[in-house]
Amino acid sequence: MGLFTVIGRTDKDASGGKIDPIVRSTMERLKTWDYRTQIHTPAARNLRQAFSELDVLKAKLGLSDAIIEKTAYIYRKAQERRLVRGRTTSAILAASIYIACREIGMPRTLKDISTVSNIKRKDLARSYRFIVSKLELKIPVLDPIKCIVRVANKANLSEITKRKAIDLMYKINENELAAGKDPMGLAASVLYLSSMNNRDSNEHRTQSDLAAAAGVTEVTIRNRTQELRKKSCLKIIR
């Protein structure tokens, strides 16, 4: 991931000629400092630990190379600003992953990442807010349609129910009812209403089912569904 520059050990230059003794002496000193920087500085050791953990989390979370590169960039920035001091590497790394997912538009919840990284959700949320504030990041809102697809897949819902939920979400957006709502919680609520309006009882899902799939609480879904049911413009809801 482009962490370090490695100075070679050859005594030949690029054209194959012998390197001047004075130049070679300078190169030897540079190699010594290069080695010390890579191995012995706390910052370098911290990066090695963080990126080693990142390799493991990449597989567990199914993260793309783009997200990994973005995570590495955010983590380096956090380290340069000394935001890692007094905090665990794992917490800052996990928060960097969550930020990278949000910036790239990949639906991953705090619960998803906290579970895999063995960090308490509240600690991850605190680290996330800390990094966003200190680095002055502008985090885009998750696409609610992508959230519907992700939650529906985790809840094993059919394409019919998924389509009904997406149509309902379009109506919600058209009537400007999504402002200030957590996209994952709203997606789970819309899927709950759509599944319960499906004639096929096999498609019915409880609020508990969808809360687990979305990584939100049942209270969130209950509150959102009650709010949506009161909106006469959403005629699909009974």
Protein backbone atom coordinates (compact mmCIF):
# COMPACT_ATOMS: atom_id res chain seq x y z
CA MET A 1 0.00 0.00 0.00
CA GLY A 2 2.92 2.31 -0.57
CA LEU A 3 3.97 2.58 3.05
CA PHE A 4 7.73 2.76 2.71
CA THR A 5 10.47 3.58 0.21
CA VAL A 6 13.09 0.84 0.05
CA ILE A 7 16.68 1.74 -0.87
CA GLY A 8 18.31 -1.09 -2.76
CA ARG A 9 21.58 -2.87 -1.87
CA THR A 10 23.19 -2.96 -5.33
CA ASP A 11 26.50 -1.14 -5.99
CA LYS A 12 25.47 -0.39 -9.60
CA ASP A 13 23.65 2.67 -10.88
CA ALA A 14 20.64 2.61 -13.25
CA SER A 15 22.87 2.21 -16.32
CA GLY A 16 24.90 -0.61 -14.77
CA GLY A 17 27.98 1.47 -13.99
CA LYS A 18 29.96 1.35 -10.73
CA ILE A 19 28.70 3.79 -8.09
CA ASP A 20 31.23 6.38 -6.91
CA PRO A 21 32.62 5.53 -3.40
CA ILE A 22 31.48 8.89 -1.97
CA VAL A 23 27.98 8.43 -3.37
CA ARG A 24 27.96 4.86 -2.10
CA SER A 25 28.92 6.04 1.40
CA THR A 26 26.02 8.49 1.34
CA MET A 27 23.67 5.74 0.20
CA GLU A 28 24.80 3.48 3.03
CA ARG A 29 23.97 6.19 5.55
CA LEU A 30 20.58 6.69 3.91
CA LYS A 31 19.91 2.95 4.02
CA THR A 32 20.75 2.91 7.71
CA TRP A 33 18.27 5.71 8.41
CA ASP A 34 15.73 4.12 6.10
CA TYR A 35 15.99 0.89 8.09
CA ARG A 36 15.72 2.67 11.42
CA THR A 37 12.69 4.63 10.25
CA GLN A 38 10.91 1.54 8.96
CA ILE A 39 11.55 -0.68 11.94
CA HIS A 40 12.18 1.40 15.00
CA THR A 41 10.02 4.54 15.03
CA PRO A 42 6.77 4.27 17.00
CA ALA A 43 4.85 5.69 14.05
CA ALA A 44 6.16 3.01 11.71
CA ARG A 45 5.41 0.23 14.17
CA ASN A 46 1.91 1.60 14.65
CA LEU A 47 1.29 1.67 10.90
CA ARG A 48 2.53 -1.89 10.55
CA GLN A 49 0.18 -3.03 13.32
CA ALA A 50 -2.76 -1.10 11.88
CA PHE A 51 -2.27 -2.36 8.33
CA SER A 52 -1.81 -5.91 9.56
CA GLU A 53 -5.19 -5.64 11.30
CA LEU A 54 -6.65 -4.05 8.18
CA ASP A 55 -5.69 -7.09 6.09
CA VAL A 56 -7.65 -9.31 8.48
CA LEU A 57 -10.70 -7.03 8.56
CA LYS A 58 -10.69 -6.75 4.77
CA ALA A 59 -11.48 -10.45 4.46
CA LYS A 60 -13.98 -10.53 7.32
CA LEU A 61 -15.97 -7.54 6.07
CA GLY A 62 -15.56 -8.20 2.36
CA LEU A 63 -14.04 -4.77 1.73
CA SER A 64 -12.97 -3.64 -1.73
CA ASP A 65 -9.47 -2.44 -2.57
CA ALA A 66 -10.87 1.08 -2.94
CA ILE A 67 -12.15 1.03 0.64
CA ILE A 68 -8.85 -0.38 1.90
CA GLU A 69 -6.88 2.40 0.20
CA LYS A 70 -9.26 5.03 1.53
CA THR A 71 -9.02 3.55 5.04
CA ALA A 72 -5.21 3.59 4.89
CA TYR A 73 -5.27 7.22 3.79
CA ILE A 74 -7.61 8.26 6.62
CA TYR A 75 -5.58 6.34 9.20
CA ARG A 76 -2.33 7.96 8.05
CA LYS A 77 -3.96 11.39 8.32
CA ALA A 78 -5.17 10.56 11.83
CA GLN A 79 -1.68 9.44 12.79
CA GLU A 80 -0.06 12.56 11.30
CA ARG A 81 -2.41 14.68 13.42
CA ARG A 82 -1.51 12.55 16.46
CA LEU A 83 -5.11 11.43 16.91
CA VAL A 84 -4.02 7.88 17.72
CA ARG A 85 -2.32 8.94 20.96
CA GLY A 86 -4.29 7.85 24.01
CA ARG A 87 -6.56 5.66 21.89
CA THR A 88 -6.30 2.10 20.68
CA THR A 89 -5.06 1.38 17.19
CA SER A 90 -8.03 -0.93 16.67
CA ALA A 91 -10.60 1.75 17.50
CA ILE A 92 -9.06 4.37 15.20
CA LEU A 93 -8.65 1.81 12.43
CA ALA A 94 -12.24 0.61 12.75
CA ALA A 95 -13.48 4.21 12.69
CA SER A 96 -11.36 4.83 9.58
CA ILE A 97 -13.00 1.84 7.90
CA TYR A 98 -16.47 3.15 8.73
CA ILE A 99 -15.59 6.59 7.35
CA ALA A 100 -14.14 5.05 4.18
CA CYS A 101 -17.31 3.01 3.66
CA ARG A 102 -19.46 6.10 4.10
CA GLU A 103 -17.33 8.17 1.71
CA ILE A 104 -17.41 5.50 -0.98
CA GLY A 105 -21.11 4.77 -0.46
CA MET A 106 -20.79 1.21 0.81
CA PRO A 107 -23.49 0.42 3.40
CA ARG A 108 -21.74 -0.88 6.49
CA THR A 109 -23.14 -0.17 9.93
CA LEU A 110 -21.28 0.63 13.12
CA LYS A 111 -22.56 -2.69 14.41
CA ASP A 112 -21.10 -4.58 11.42
CA ILE A 113 -17.66 -3.14 12.02
CA SER A 114 -17.72 -3.21 15.82
CA THR A 115 -18.71 -6.89 15.85
CA VAL A 116 -15.91 -7.96 13.51
CA SER A 117 -13.25 -5.77 15.13
CA ASN A 118 -14.29 -6.70 18.70
CA ILE A 119 -14.82 -3.08 19.69
CA LYS A 120 -17.83 -1.78 21.59
CA ARG A 121 -20.24 0.07 19.32
CA LYS A 122 -20.21 3.16 21.54
CA ASP A 123 -16.39 3.26 21.51
CA LEU A 124 -16.38 2.98 17.72
CA ALA A 125 -19.00 5.73 17.43
CA ARG A 126 -16.94 7.96 19.73
CA SER A 127 -13.77 7.40 17.67
CA TYR A 128 -15.72 8.05 14.46
CA ARG A 129 -17.03 11.40 15.73
CA PHE A 130 -13.57 12.32 17.02
CA ILE A 131 -11.84 11.70 13.68
CA VAL A 132 -14.55 13.44 11.66
CA SER A 133 -14.32 16.48 13.92
CA LYS A 134 -10.52 16.71 14.09
CA LEU A 135 -9.96 16.08 10.36
CA GLU A 136 -12.95 18.28 9.48
CA LEU A 137 -14.41 15.62 7.20
CA LYS A 138 -17.69 15.99 5.34
CA ILE A 139 -19.36 12.60 5.47
CA PRO A 140 -22.00 11.95 2.79
CA VAL A 141 -25.35 10.48 3.76
CA LEU A 142 -25.80 6.83 2.83
CA ASP A 143 -27.96 6.14 -0.21
CA PRO A 144 -31.23 4.76 1.27
CA ILE A 145 -31.80 2.57 -1.80
CA LYS A 146 -28.46 0.83 -1.28
CA CYS A 147 -29.43 0.39 2.36
CA ILE A 148 -32.70 -1.29 1.34
CA VAL A 149 -30.87 -3.72 -0.93
CA ARG A 150 -28.34 -4.60 1.76
CA VAL A 151 -30.92 -5.11 4.53
CA ALA A 152 -33.28 -7.04 2.23
CA ASN A 153 -30.50 -9.41 1.22
CA LYS A 154 -29.52 -10.03 4.84
CA ALA A 155 -33.17 -10.66 5.75
CA ASN A 156 -33.65 -13.03 2.76
CA LEU A 157 -36.51 -11.00 1.28
CA SER A 158 -37.68 -11.45 -2.31
CA GLU A 159 -37.20 -9.08 -5.21
CA ILE A 160 -40.93 -8.27 -5.06
CA THR A 161 -40.73 -7.06 -1.47
CA LYS A 162 -37.49 -5.25 -2.23
CA ARG A 163 -39.12 -3.44 -5.18
CA LYS A 164 -42.12 -2.43 -3.05
CA ALA A 165 -39.77 -1.03 -0.44
CA ILE A 166 -37.77 0.91 -3.04
CA ASP A 167 -40.98 2.37 -4.52
CA LEU A 168 -42.07 3.42 -1.04
CA MET A 169 -38.68 5.00 -0.36
CA TYR A 170 -39.01 7.05 -3.55
CA LYS A 171 -42.35 8.38 -2.25
CA ILE A 172 -40.76 9.17 1.10
CA ASN A 173 -37.98 11.11 -0.62
CA GLU A 174 -40.42 12.93 -2.92
CA ASN A 175 -42.37 14.11 0.12
CA GLU A 176 -39.15 15.07 1.94
CA LEU A 177 -39.84 12.74 4.85
CA ALA A 178 -36.33 11.25 5.07
CA ALA A 179 -34.53 14.35 6.34
CA GLY A 180 -32.73 13.74 9.62
CA LYS A 181 -33.51 10.01 9.63
CA ASP A 182 -30.83 7.33 9.87
CA PRO A 183 -30.80 5.68 6.39
CA MET A 184 -30.35 2.14 7.74
CA GLY A 185 -33.14 2.55 10.27
CA LEU A 186 -35.43 4.03 7.64
CA ALA A 187 -34.58 1.26 5.16
CA ALA A 188 -35.38 -1.41 7.76
CA SER A 189 -38.69 0.29 8.59
CA VAL A 190 -39.71 0.53 4.94
CA LEU A 191 -38.85 -3.13 4.42
CA TYR A 192 -40.88 -4.08 7.49
CA LEU A 193 -43.95 -2.27 6.14
CA SER A 194 -43.47 -3.71 2.66
CA SER A 195 -43.00 -7.26 3.93
CA MET A 196 -46.11 -7.08 6.10
CA ASN A 197 -48.12 -5.82 3.12
CA ASN A 198 -47.03 -8.79 1.05
CA ARG A 199 -49.73 -11.43 0.58
CA ASP A 200 -47.13 -14.15 0.87
CA SER A 201 -46.78 -14.84 4.59
CA ASN A 202 -43.31 -16.27 3.95
CA GLU A 203 -42.23 -12.72 3.22
CA HIS A 204 -43.37 -11.38 6.57
CA ARG A 205 -40.54 -10.25 8.83
CA THR A 206 -40.70 -9.04 12.41
CA GLN A 207 -39.24 -5.77 13.59
CA SER A 208 -36.67 -7.84 15.46
CA ASP A 209 -35.65 -9.64 12.24
CA LEU A 210 -35.09 -6.41 10.37
CA ALA A 211 -33.44 -4.65 13.28
CA ALA A 212 -30.84 -7.43 13.35
CA ALA A 213 -30.35 -7.26 9.58
CA ALA A 214 -29.89 -3.48 9.62
CA GLY A 215 -27.87 -3.21 12.81
CA VAL A 216 -30.40 -0.88 14.45
CA THR A 217 -32.76 -1.22 17.42
CA GLU A 218 -36.36 -2.41 17.35
CA VAL A 219 -37.32 0.90 18.95
CA THR A 220 -35.96 2.73 15.90
CA ILE A 221 -38.08 0.63 13.53
CA ARG A 222 -41.17 0.93 15.72
CA ASN A 223 -40.87 4.72 15.87
CA ARG A 224 -40.22 5.08 12.14
CA THR A 225 -43.11 2.84 11.11
CA GLN A 226 -45.50 4.74 13.38
CA GLU A 227 -44.37 8.02 11.83
CA LEU A 228 -44.76 6.73 8.28
CA ARG A 229 -48.19 5.22 8.88
CA LYS A 230 -49.48 8.65 9.86
CA LYS A 231 -48.52 10.17 6.50
CA SER A 232 -51.54 10.12 4.20
CA CYS A 233 -49.32 10.72 1.18
CA LEU A 234 -47.89 7.21 1.59
CA LYS A 235 -50.99 5.34 0.47
CA ILE A 236 -49.18 2.04 0.19
CA ILE A 237 -49.15 1.79 3.99
CA ARG A 238 -52.16 0.28 5.71
